Amino acid sequence: MRPEPDQVLHFSEDPSITRFVPHLAATARQAGEYVWAVDAARSPGYWFPRQCPRVMAWTSTTRVHAIEYGWLERMRTVELYAYRFGIERFRPFEDHAHVATEPVVPLGPAERVGDLFALHEEAGIELRVLAGLWPFWDEVTAGPLEFSGIRLRNALPRSVE
């Protein structure tokens, strides 16, 4: 599930949203109220249950995503949806997202994303399941790969690994 070239996506477990209003996210590290969306390159980072902690690392030819064992069942059963937006209402935010500062309406109803494991497989993304994310996080942040961590506050503590 990726957007068309002139679109961005917002992923949600709520299929009933008809209008997105900018807000300050509870986890925000920046000032400002936004509607968040991602382009095609960043979409795979959101093929997860919303609260699922994940670590992602990639090169131009290889991509690896990692989750904890405790999230496997939720990965199998979550109903995840994508909302499509025209990119003209959004602006790039740093190097990882697009934001709108005015309310936006999706181009159509929410689309069910489907099997998250199949999406990873079809995209050629290795999906690792680990006892804990921190050793992998430490490895990728110390190395030459590009990387991202999302919802790491929900990961098991380092002492559990």
N, C-alpha and C. Protein backbone atom coordinates (compact mmCIF):
# COMPACT_ATOMS: atom_id res chain seq x y z
N MET A 1 0.86 -1.17 0.00
CA MET A 1 0.00 0.00 0.00
C MET A 1 0.90 1.23 0.00
N ARG A 2 0.95 1.87 -1.15
CA ARG A 2 1.75 3.09 -1.31
C ARG A 2 0.91 4.12 -2.06
N PRO A 3 1.23 5.38 -1.86
CA PRO A 3 0.48 6.43 -2.58
C PRO A 3 0.95 6.55 -4.03
N GLU A 4 0.10 7.13 -4.84
CA GLU A 4 0.48 7.49 -6.21
C GLU A 4 1.48 8.64 -6.14
N PRO A 5 2.17 8.96 -7.24
CA PRO A 5 3.20 10.02 -7.20
C PRO A 5 2.70 11.38 -6.70
N ASP A 6 1.46 11.72 -6.91
CA ASP A 6 0.94 13.03 -6.48
C ASP A 6 0.14 12.95 -5.19
N GLN A 7 0.38 11.88 -4.42
CA GLN A 7 -0.37 11.65 -3.20
C GLN A 7 0.55 11.37 -2.01
N VAL A 8 -0.03 11.49 -0.82
CA VAL A 8 0.58 11.03 0.42
C VAL A 8 -0.48 10.22 1.16
N LEU A 9 -0.04 9.39 2.10
CA LEU A 9 -0.94 8.54 2.86
C LEU A 9 -0.86 8.83 4.35
N HIS A 10 -1.99 8.64 5.01
CA HIS A 10 -2.05 8.64 6.47
C HIS A 10 -2.61 7.27 6.85
N PHE A 11 -1.90 6.54 7.72
CA PHE A 11 -2.33 5.22 8.16
C PHE A 11 -3.03 5.32 9.50
N SER A 12 -4.11 4.56 9.67
CA SER A 12 -4.91 4.62 10.89
C SER A 12 -5.64 3.29 11.11
N GLU A 13 -5.97 3.02 12.34
CA GLU A 13 -6.83 1.88 12.65
C GLU A 13 -8.29 2.28 12.68
N ASP A 14 -8.58 3.54 12.43
CA ASP A 14 -9.95 4.08 12.42
C ASP A 14 -10.38 4.34 10.97
N PRO A 15 -11.33 3.56 10.46
CA PRO A 15 -11.75 3.74 9.07
C PRO A 15 -12.85 4.79 8.87
N SER A 16 -13.20 5.53 9.92
CA SER A 16 -14.36 6.42 9.83
C SER A 16 -14.02 7.91 9.77
N ILE A 17 -12.77 8.26 9.63
CA ILE A 17 -12.39 9.67 9.64
C ILE A 17 -12.75 10.30 8.29
N THR A 18 -13.46 11.41 8.32
CA THR A 18 -13.84 12.09 7.08
C THR A 18 -13.12 13.41 6.88
N ARG A 19 -12.53 13.94 7.96
CA ARG A 19 -11.82 15.21 7.90
C ARG A 19 -10.71 15.18 8.93
N PHE A 20 -9.51 15.51 8.51
CA PHE A 20 -8.35 15.52 9.40
C PHE A 20 -8.05 16.95 9.79
N VAL A 21 -7.99 17.20 11.10
CA VAL A 21 -7.74 18.54 11.63
C VAL A 21 -6.35 18.54 12.27
N PRO A 22 -5.51 19.51 11.97
CA PRO A 22 -4.19 19.56 12.59
C PRO A 22 -4.29 19.55 14.11
N HIS A 23 -3.37 18.83 14.72
CA HIS A 23 -3.32 18.76 16.18
C HIS A 23 -1.87 18.56 16.62
N LEU A 24 -1.62 18.83 17.87
CA LEU A 24 -0.31 18.59 18.46
C LEU A 24 -0.32 17.16 18.99
N ALA A 25 0.49 16.32 18.37
CA ALA A 25 0.54 14.91 18.78
C ALA A 25 1.07 14.80 20.20
N ALA A 26 0.56 13.83 20.93
CA ALA A 26 0.99 13.61 22.32
C ALA A 26 2.48 13.31 22.40
N THR A 27 3.03 12.75 21.33
CA THR A 27 4.45 12.38 21.30
C THR A 27 5.30 13.40 20.55
N ALA A 28 4.75 14.55 20.24
CA ALA A 28 5.45 15.54 19.41
C ALA A 28 6.75 16.00 20.04
N ARG A 29 7.77 16.10 19.19
CA ARG A 29 9.06 16.65 19.61
C ARG A 29 9.27 18.03 18.96
N GLN A 30 8.24 18.53 18.32
CA GLN A 30 8.33 19.83 17.65
C GLN A 30 7.06 20.62 17.96
N ALA A 31 7.16 21.92 17.86
CA ALA A 31 5.99 22.77 18.08
C ALA A 31 5.13 22.75 16.82
N GLY A 32 3.87 23.03 17.00
CA GLY A 32 2.99 23.16 15.85
C GLY A 32 1.98 22.04 15.77
N GLU A 33 0.84 22.38 15.19
CA GLU A 33 -0.24 21.42 14.99
C GLU A 33 -0.23 20.99 13.53
N TYR A 34 -0.28 19.68 13.31
CA TYR A 34 -0.15 19.14 11.95
C TYR A 34 -1.10 17.98 11.72
N VAL A 35 -1.37 17.74 10.45
CA VAL A 35 -1.88 16.47 9.95
C VAL A 35 -0.67 15.81 9.31
N TRP A 36 -0.36 14.60 9.72
CA TRP A 36 0.84 13.91 9.25
C TRP A 36 0.49 12.93 8.14
N ALA A 37 1.39 12.81 7.18
CA ALA A 37 1.24 11.84 6.09
C ALA A 37 2.64 11.47 5.59
N VAL A 38 2.71 10.38 4.82
CA VAL A 38 3.99 9.91 4.30
C VAL A 38 3.90 9.65 2.81
N ASP A 39 5.06 9.72 2.16
CA ASP A 39 5.14 9.45 0.73
C ASP A 39 5.39 7.96 0.51
N ALA A 40 5.60 7.58 -0.74
CA ALA A 40 5.78 6.16 -1.07
C ALA A 40 7.00 5.57 -0.39
N ALA A 41 8.09 6.31 -0.34
CA ALA A 41 9.32 5.78 0.26
C ALA A 41 9.16 5.49 1.74
N ARG A 42 8.39 6.29 2.44
CA ARG A 42 8.22 6.12 3.90
C ARG A 42 7.02 5.27 4.28
N SER A 43 6.16 4.94 3.35
CA SER A 43 4.96 4.15 3.66
C SER A 43 5.24 2.82 4.36
N PRO A 44 6.26 2.05 3.94
CA PRO A 44 6.49 0.77 4.62
C PRO A 44 6.73 0.89 6.13
N GLY A 45 7.19 2.02 6.58
CA GLY A 45 7.39 2.22 8.01
C GLY A 45 6.11 2.27 8.80
N TYR A 46 4.99 2.29 8.10
CA TYR A 46 3.68 2.39 8.76
C TYR A 46 2.81 1.17 8.48
N TRP A 47 3.40 0.11 7.97
CA TRP A 47 2.69 -1.16 7.75
C TRP A 47 2.73 -1.98 9.04
N PHE A 48 2.29 -1.37 10.12
CA PHE A 48 2.32 -1.96 11.46
C PHE A 48 1.11 -1.46 12.24
N PRO A 49 0.71 -2.18 13.31
CA PRO A 49 -0.27 -1.60 14.21
C PRO A 49 0.27 -0.26 14.72
N ARG A 50 -0.59 0.68 14.92
CA ARG A 50 -0.18 2.05 15.25
C ARG A 50 0.80 2.13 16.42
N GLN A 51 0.54 1.41 17.49
CA GLN A 51 1.37 1.52 18.69
C GLN A 51 2.56 0.56 18.71
N CYS A 52 2.73 -0.21 17.66
CA CYS A 52 3.80 -1.21 17.60
C CYS A 52 5.17 -0.56 17.50
N PRO A 53 6.07 -0.87 18.43
CA PRO A 53 7.44 -0.36 18.30
C PRO A 53 8.16 -1.11 17.18
N ARG A 54 8.93 -0.36 16.39
CA ARG A 54 9.66 -0.99 15.29
C ARG A 54 10.93 -0.22 14.99
N VAL A 55 11.90 -0.99 14.51
CA VAL A 55 13.17 -0.44 14.06
C VAL A 55 13.31 -0.82 12.60
N MET A 56 13.72 0.16 11.79
CA MET A 56 13.89 -0.07 10.36
C MET A 56 15.27 0.41 9.94
N ALA A 57 15.91 -0.36 9.06
CA ALA A 57 17.22 0.01 8.54
C ALA A 57 17.23 -0.30 7.05
N TRP A 58 17.95 0.53 6.28
CA TRP A 58 17.95 0.31 4.84
C TRP A 58 19.16 0.91 4.15
N THR A 59 19.39 0.35 2.96
CA THR A 59 20.33 0.92 1.99
C THR A 59 19.50 1.17 0.74
N SER A 60 20.14 1.51 -0.35
CA SER A 60 19.38 1.73 -1.59
C SER A 60 18.79 0.44 -2.13
N THR A 61 19.30 -0.72 -1.71
CA THR A 61 18.83 -1.99 -2.27
C THR A 61 18.25 -2.97 -1.25
N THR A 62 18.41 -2.71 0.01
CA THR A 62 17.98 -3.65 1.05
C THR A 62 17.25 -2.91 2.16
N ARG A 63 16.20 -3.54 2.69
CA ARG A 63 15.46 -2.94 3.79
C ARG A 63 15.12 -4.04 4.79
N VAL A 64 15.29 -3.73 6.10
CA VAL A 64 14.98 -4.66 7.18
C VAL A 64 14.12 -3.92 8.19
N HIS A 65 13.03 -4.57 8.61
CA HIS A 65 12.18 -4.05 9.68
C HIS A 65 12.21 -5.06 10.82
N ALA A 66 12.15 -4.59 12.05
CA ALA A 66 12.17 -5.49 13.20
C ALA A 66 11.09 -5.09 14.19
N ILE A 67 10.43 -6.11 14.74
CA ILE A 67 9.43 -5.94 15.80
C ILE A 67 9.74 -6.95 16.90
N GLU A 68 9.04 -6.84 18.01
CA GLU A 68 9.18 -7.79 19.11
C GLU A 68 8.15 -8.90 18.99
N TYR A 69 8.50 -10.08 19.54
CA TYR A 69 7.59 -11.22 19.50
C TYR A 69 6.20 -10.89 20.04
N GLY A 70 6.14 -10.05 21.05
CA GLY A 70 4.87 -9.71 21.66
C GLY A 70 3.90 -9.01 20.72
N TRP A 71 4.36 -8.54 19.58
CA TRP A 71 3.50 -7.85 18.62
C TRP A 71 3.07 -8.72 17.45
N LEU A 72 3.49 -9.98 17.41
CA LEU A 72 3.15 -10.84 16.27
C LEU A 72 1.64 -11.01 16.08
N GLU A 73 0.94 -11.33 17.16
CA GLU A 73 -0.51 -11.55 17.02
C GLU A 73 -1.21 -10.28 16.56
N ARG A 74 -0.82 -9.15 17.10
CA ARG A 74 -1.44 -7.88 16.68
C ARG A 74 -1.13 -7.59 15.21
N MET A 75 0.07 -7.94 14.74
CA MET A 75 0.41 -7.78 13.31
C MET A 75 -0.51 -8.64 12.44
N ARG A 76 -0.86 -9.80 12.95
CA ARG A 76 -1.73 -10.71 12.18
C ARG A 76 -3.17 -10.23 12.13
N THR A 77 -3.63 -9.59 13.21
CA THR A 77 -5.05 -9.32 13.35
C THR A 77 -5.49 -7.87 13.19
N VAL A 78 -4.56 -6.93 13.21
CA VAL A 78 -4.94 -5.52 13.13
C VAL A 78 -5.65 -5.21 11.81
N GLU A 79 -6.64 -4.36 11.89
CA GLU A 79 -7.26 -3.83 10.67
C GLU A 79 -6.72 -2.43 10.49
N LEU A 80 -5.79 -2.30 9.57
CA LEU A 80 -5.13 -1.04 9.30
C LEU A 80 -5.71 -0.45 8.02
N TYR A 81 -5.85 0.86 8.01
CA TYR A 81 -6.43 1.57 6.87
C TYR A 81 -5.49 2.68 6.42
N ALA A 82 -5.60 3.03 5.15
CA ALA A 82 -4.83 4.15 4.61
C ALA A 82 -5.79 5.16 4.02
N TYR A 83 -5.50 6.41 4.28
CA TYR A 83 -6.23 7.53 3.70
C TYR A 83 -5.32 8.20 2.69
N ARG A 84 -5.84 8.47 1.50
CA ARG A 84 -5.07 9.14 0.45
C ARG A 84 -5.39 10.63 0.44
N PHE A 85 -4.33 11.42 0.25
CA PHE A 85 -4.48 12.87 0.14
C PHE A 85 -3.69 13.36 -1.06
N GLY A 86 -4.17 14.42 -1.68
CA GLY A 86 -3.40 15.09 -2.70
C GLY A 86 -2.22 15.79 -2.03
N ILE A 87 -1.05 15.66 -2.60
CA ILE A 87 0.16 16.20 -1.98
C ILE A 87 0.17 17.72 -1.94
N GLU A 88 -0.64 18.37 -2.76
CA GLU A 88 -0.61 19.84 -2.84
C GLU A 88 -1.00 20.53 -1.53
N ARG A 89 -1.70 19.85 -0.64
CA ARG A 89 -2.10 20.43 0.65
C ARG A 89 -1.05 20.21 1.74
N PHE A 90 0.02 19.51 1.40
CA PHE A 90 1.05 19.14 2.36
C PHE A 90 2.40 19.72 1.95
N ARG A 91 3.28 19.85 2.94
CA ARG A 91 4.66 20.27 2.67
C ARG A 91 5.59 19.27 3.34
N PRO A 92 6.79 19.10 2.79
CA PRO A 92 7.74 18.18 3.42
C PRO A 92 8.08 18.65 4.83
N PHE A 93 8.26 17.67 5.72
CA PHE A 93 8.67 17.95 7.09
C PHE A 93 9.95 17.15 7.34
N GLU A 94 11.03 17.90 7.55
CA GLU A 94 12.35 17.28 7.70
C GLU A 94 12.54 16.30 6.54
N ASP A 95 13.04 15.11 6.80
CA ASP A 95 13.26 14.17 5.71
C ASP A 95 12.37 12.94 5.80
N HIS A 96 11.33 13.00 6.64
CA HIS A 96 10.59 11.77 6.89
C HIS A 96 9.07 11.84 6.80
N ALA A 97 8.52 12.99 6.54
CA ALA A 97 7.06 13.08 6.52
C ALA A 97 6.61 14.28 5.71
N HIS A 98 5.30 14.39 5.58
CA HIS A 98 4.65 15.56 4.99
C HIS A 98 3.59 16.01 5.98
N VAL A 99 3.40 17.31 6.08
CA VAL A 99 2.44 17.83 7.03
C VAL A 99 1.53 18.86 6.38
N ALA A 100 0.31 18.91 6.89
CA ALA A 100 -0.64 19.95 6.51
C ALA A 100 -0.93 20.75 7.77
N THR A 101 -1.09 22.05 7.62
CA THR A 101 -1.38 22.91 8.77
C THR A 101 -2.82 23.42 8.75
N GLU A 102 -3.57 23.01 7.75
CA GLU A 102 -5.00 23.32 7.65
C GLU A 102 -5.77 22.00 7.58
N PRO A 103 -7.04 21.99 7.94
CA PRO A 103 -7.81 20.75 7.82
C PRO A 103 -7.80 20.23 6.38
N VAL A 104 -7.76 18.90 6.25
CA VAL A 104 -7.75 18.26 4.94
C VAL A 104 -8.77 17.14 4.90
N VAL A 105 -9.31 16.92 3.71
CA VAL A 105 -10.28 15.87 3.48
C VAL A 105 -9.63 14.82 2.58
N PRO A 106 -9.74 13.54 2.93
CA PRO A 106 -9.16 12.50 2.09
C PRO A 106 -9.77 12.50 0.68
N LEU A 107 -9.03 11.95 -0.27
CA LEU A 107 -9.52 11.86 -1.64
C LEU A 107 -10.67 10.86 -1.77
N GLY A 108 -10.82 9.99 -0.81
CA GLY A 108 -11.88 8.99 -0.82
C GLY A 108 -11.94 8.32 0.54
N PRO A 109 -12.77 7.29 0.66
CA PRO A 109 -12.86 6.59 1.94
C PRO A 109 -11.57 5.85 2.27
N ALA A 110 -11.44 5.48 3.53
CA ALA A 110 -10.29 4.71 3.98
C ALA A 110 -10.20 3.41 3.20
N GLU A 111 -8.98 3.01 2.87
CA GLU A 111 -8.75 1.75 2.17
C GLU A 111 -8.10 0.77 3.13
N ARG A 112 -8.64 -0.43 3.19
CA ARG A 112 -8.05 -1.45 4.07
C ARG A 112 -6.68 -1.83 3.51
N VAL A 113 -5.69 -1.82 4.37
CA VAL A 113 -4.31 -2.10 3.94
C VAL A 113 -4.12 -3.57 3.65
N GLY A 114 -4.71 -4.45 4.43
CA GLY A 114 -4.59 -5.89 4.19
C GLY A 114 -3.51 -6.55 5.01
N ASP A 115 -3.02 -7.66 4.53
CA ASP A 115 -2.06 -8.51 5.23
C ASP A 115 -0.70 -7.80 5.33
N LEU A 116 -0.31 -7.45 6.54
CA LEU A 116 0.93 -6.69 6.72
C LEU A 116 2.17 -7.52 6.42
N PHE A 117 2.10 -8.83 6.69
CA PHE A 117 3.22 -9.70 6.35
C PHE A 117 3.37 -9.81 4.84
N ALA A 118 2.26 -9.94 4.13
CA ALA A 118 2.30 -10.03 2.67
C ALA A 118 2.85 -8.74 2.06
N LEU A 119 2.48 -7.59 2.62
CA LEU A 119 3.02 -6.32 2.11
C LEU A 119 4.53 -6.30 2.22
N HIS A 120 5.05 -6.71 3.37
CA HIS A 120 6.50 -6.74 3.55
C HIS A 120 7.14 -7.69 2.54
N GLU A 121 6.57 -8.87 2.40
CA GLU A 121 7.13 -9.86 1.47
C GLU A 121 7.12 -9.33 0.03
N GLU A 122 5.99 -8.79 -0.41
CA GLU A 122 5.87 -8.28 -1.78
C GLU A 122 6.85 -7.14 -2.04
N ALA A 123 7.15 -6.35 -1.01
CA ALA A 123 8.08 -5.23 -1.17
C ALA A 123 9.54 -5.66 -1.01
N GLY A 124 9.77 -6.95 -0.72
CA GLY A 124 11.13 -7.43 -0.54
C GLY A 124 11.78 -6.94 0.74
N ILE A 125 10.96 -6.66 1.75
CA ILE A 125 11.47 -6.16 3.03
C ILE A 125 11.57 -7.34 4.00
N GLU A 126 12.76 -7.54 4.53
CA GLU A 126 12.97 -8.58 5.53
C GLU A 126 12.31 -8.11 6.83
N LEU A 127 11.46 -8.95 7.40
CA LEU A 127 10.80 -8.63 8.66
C LEU A 127 11.35 -9.55 9.74
N ARG A 128 12.05 -8.97 10.69
CA ARG A 128 12.65 -9.74 11.78
C ARG A 128 11.77 -9.63 13.02
N VAL A 129 11.71 -10.73 13.74
CA VAL A 129 10.98 -10.76 15.01
C VAL A 129 12.02 -11.07 16.09
N LEU A 130 12.15 -10.15 17.03
CA LEU A 130 13.21 -10.23 18.02
C LEU A 130 12.65 -10.26 19.44
N ALA A 131 13.44 -10.77 20.36
CA ALA A 131 13.03 -10.77 21.77
C ALA A 131 12.94 -9.34 22.28
N GLY A 132 13.84 -8.49 21.83
CA GLY A 132 13.85 -7.08 22.19
C GLY A 132 14.47 -6.28 21.06
N LEU A 133 14.08 -5.03 20.93
CA LEU A 133 14.55 -4.20 19.82
C LEU A 133 15.88 -3.51 20.07
N TRP A 134 16.27 -3.34 21.34
CA TRP A 134 17.41 -2.48 21.64
C TRP A 134 18.74 -2.93 21.07
N PRO A 135 19.08 -4.22 21.06
CA PRO A 135 20.35 -4.61 20.43
C PRO A 135 20.38 -4.26 18.92
N PHE A 136 19.27 -4.48 18.24
CA PHE A 136 19.21 -4.12 16.81
C PHE A 136 19.29 -2.61 16.64
N TRP A 137 18.59 -1.87 17.48
CA TRP A 137 18.64 -0.40 17.44
C TRP A 137 20.08 0.09 17.64
N ASP A 138 20.76 -0.46 18.62
CA ASP A 138 22.13 -0.05 18.89
C ASP A 138 23.04 -0.36 17.69
N GLU A 139 22.80 -1.51 17.07
CA GLU A 139 23.60 -1.90 15.90
C GLU A 139 23.38 -0.94 14.72
N VAL A 140 22.14 -0.65 14.40
CA VAL A 140 21.89 0.19 13.21
C VAL A 140 22.25 1.65 13.46
N THR A 141 22.06 2.14 14.68
CA THR A 141 22.40 3.54 14.92
C THR A 141 23.90 3.77 14.98
N ALA A 142 24.69 2.72 15.20
CA ALA A 142 26.14 2.85 15.24
C ALA A 142 26.78 2.60 13.87
N GLY A 143 25.99 2.13 12.92
CA GLY A 143 26.55 1.76 11.63
C GLY A 143 26.24 2.75 10.53
N PRO A 144 26.55 2.35 9.30
CA PRO A 144 26.42 3.25 8.14
C PRO A 144 25.02 3.28 7.50
N LEU A 145 24.12 2.42 7.95
CA LEU A 145 22.80 2.35 7.31
C LEU A 145 21.92 3.54 7.69
N GLU A 146 20.97 3.83 6.80
CA GLU A 146 19.91 4.76 7.18
C GLU A 146 18.98 3.99 8.09
N PHE A 147 18.32 4.67 9.02
CA PHE A 147 17.49 3.95 9.98
C PHE A 147 16.38 4.85 10.51
N SER A 148 15.41 4.20 11.11
CA SER A 148 14.32 4.90 11.78
C SER A 148 13.78 4.00 12.88
N GLY A 149 13.34 4.62 13.94
CA GLY A 149 12.66 3.91 15.02
C GLY A 149 11.35 4.62 15.30
N ILE A 150 10.28 3.86 15.38
CA ILE A 150 8.96 4.43 15.62
C ILE A 150 8.34 3.73 16.82
N ARG A 151 7.74 4.52 17.70
CA ARG A 151 7.04 4.04 18.90
C ARG A 151 7.97 3.24 19.82
N LEU A 152 9.24 3.60 19.85
CA LEU A 152 10.19 2.88 20.68
C LEU A 152 9.86 2.98 22.17
N ARG A 153 9.10 3.98 22.56
CA ARG A 153 8.69 4.08 23.98
C ARG A 153 7.82 2.89 24.37
N ASN A 154 7.24 2.18 23.38
CA ASN A 154 6.41 1.00 23.64
C ASN A 154 7.21 -0.29 23.60
N ALA A 155 8.50 -0.22 23.34
CA ALA A 155 9.35 -1.41 23.29
C ALA A 155 9.59 -1.93 24.72
N LEU A 156 9.92 -3.19 24.78
CA LEU A 156 10.30 -3.76 26.07
C LEU A 156 11.54 -3.03 26.58
N PRO A 157 11.67 -2.91 27.90
CA PRO A 157 12.86 -2.23 28.43
C PRO A 157 14.13 -3.00 28.09
N ARG A 158 15.23 -2.30 28.07
CA ARG A 158 16.52 -2.93 27.76
C ARG A 158 16.82 -4.11 28.69
N SER A 159 16.44 -4.05 29.91
CA SER A 159 16.75 -5.11 30.88
C SER A 159 16.06 -6.43 30.56
N VAL A 160 14.99 -6.42 29.75
CA VAL A 160 14.24 -7.63 29.42
C VAL A 160 14.95 -8.44 28.34
N GLU A 161 15.79 -7.77 27.58
CA GLU A 161 16.45 -8.45 26.45
C GLU A 161 17.31 -9.55 26.99
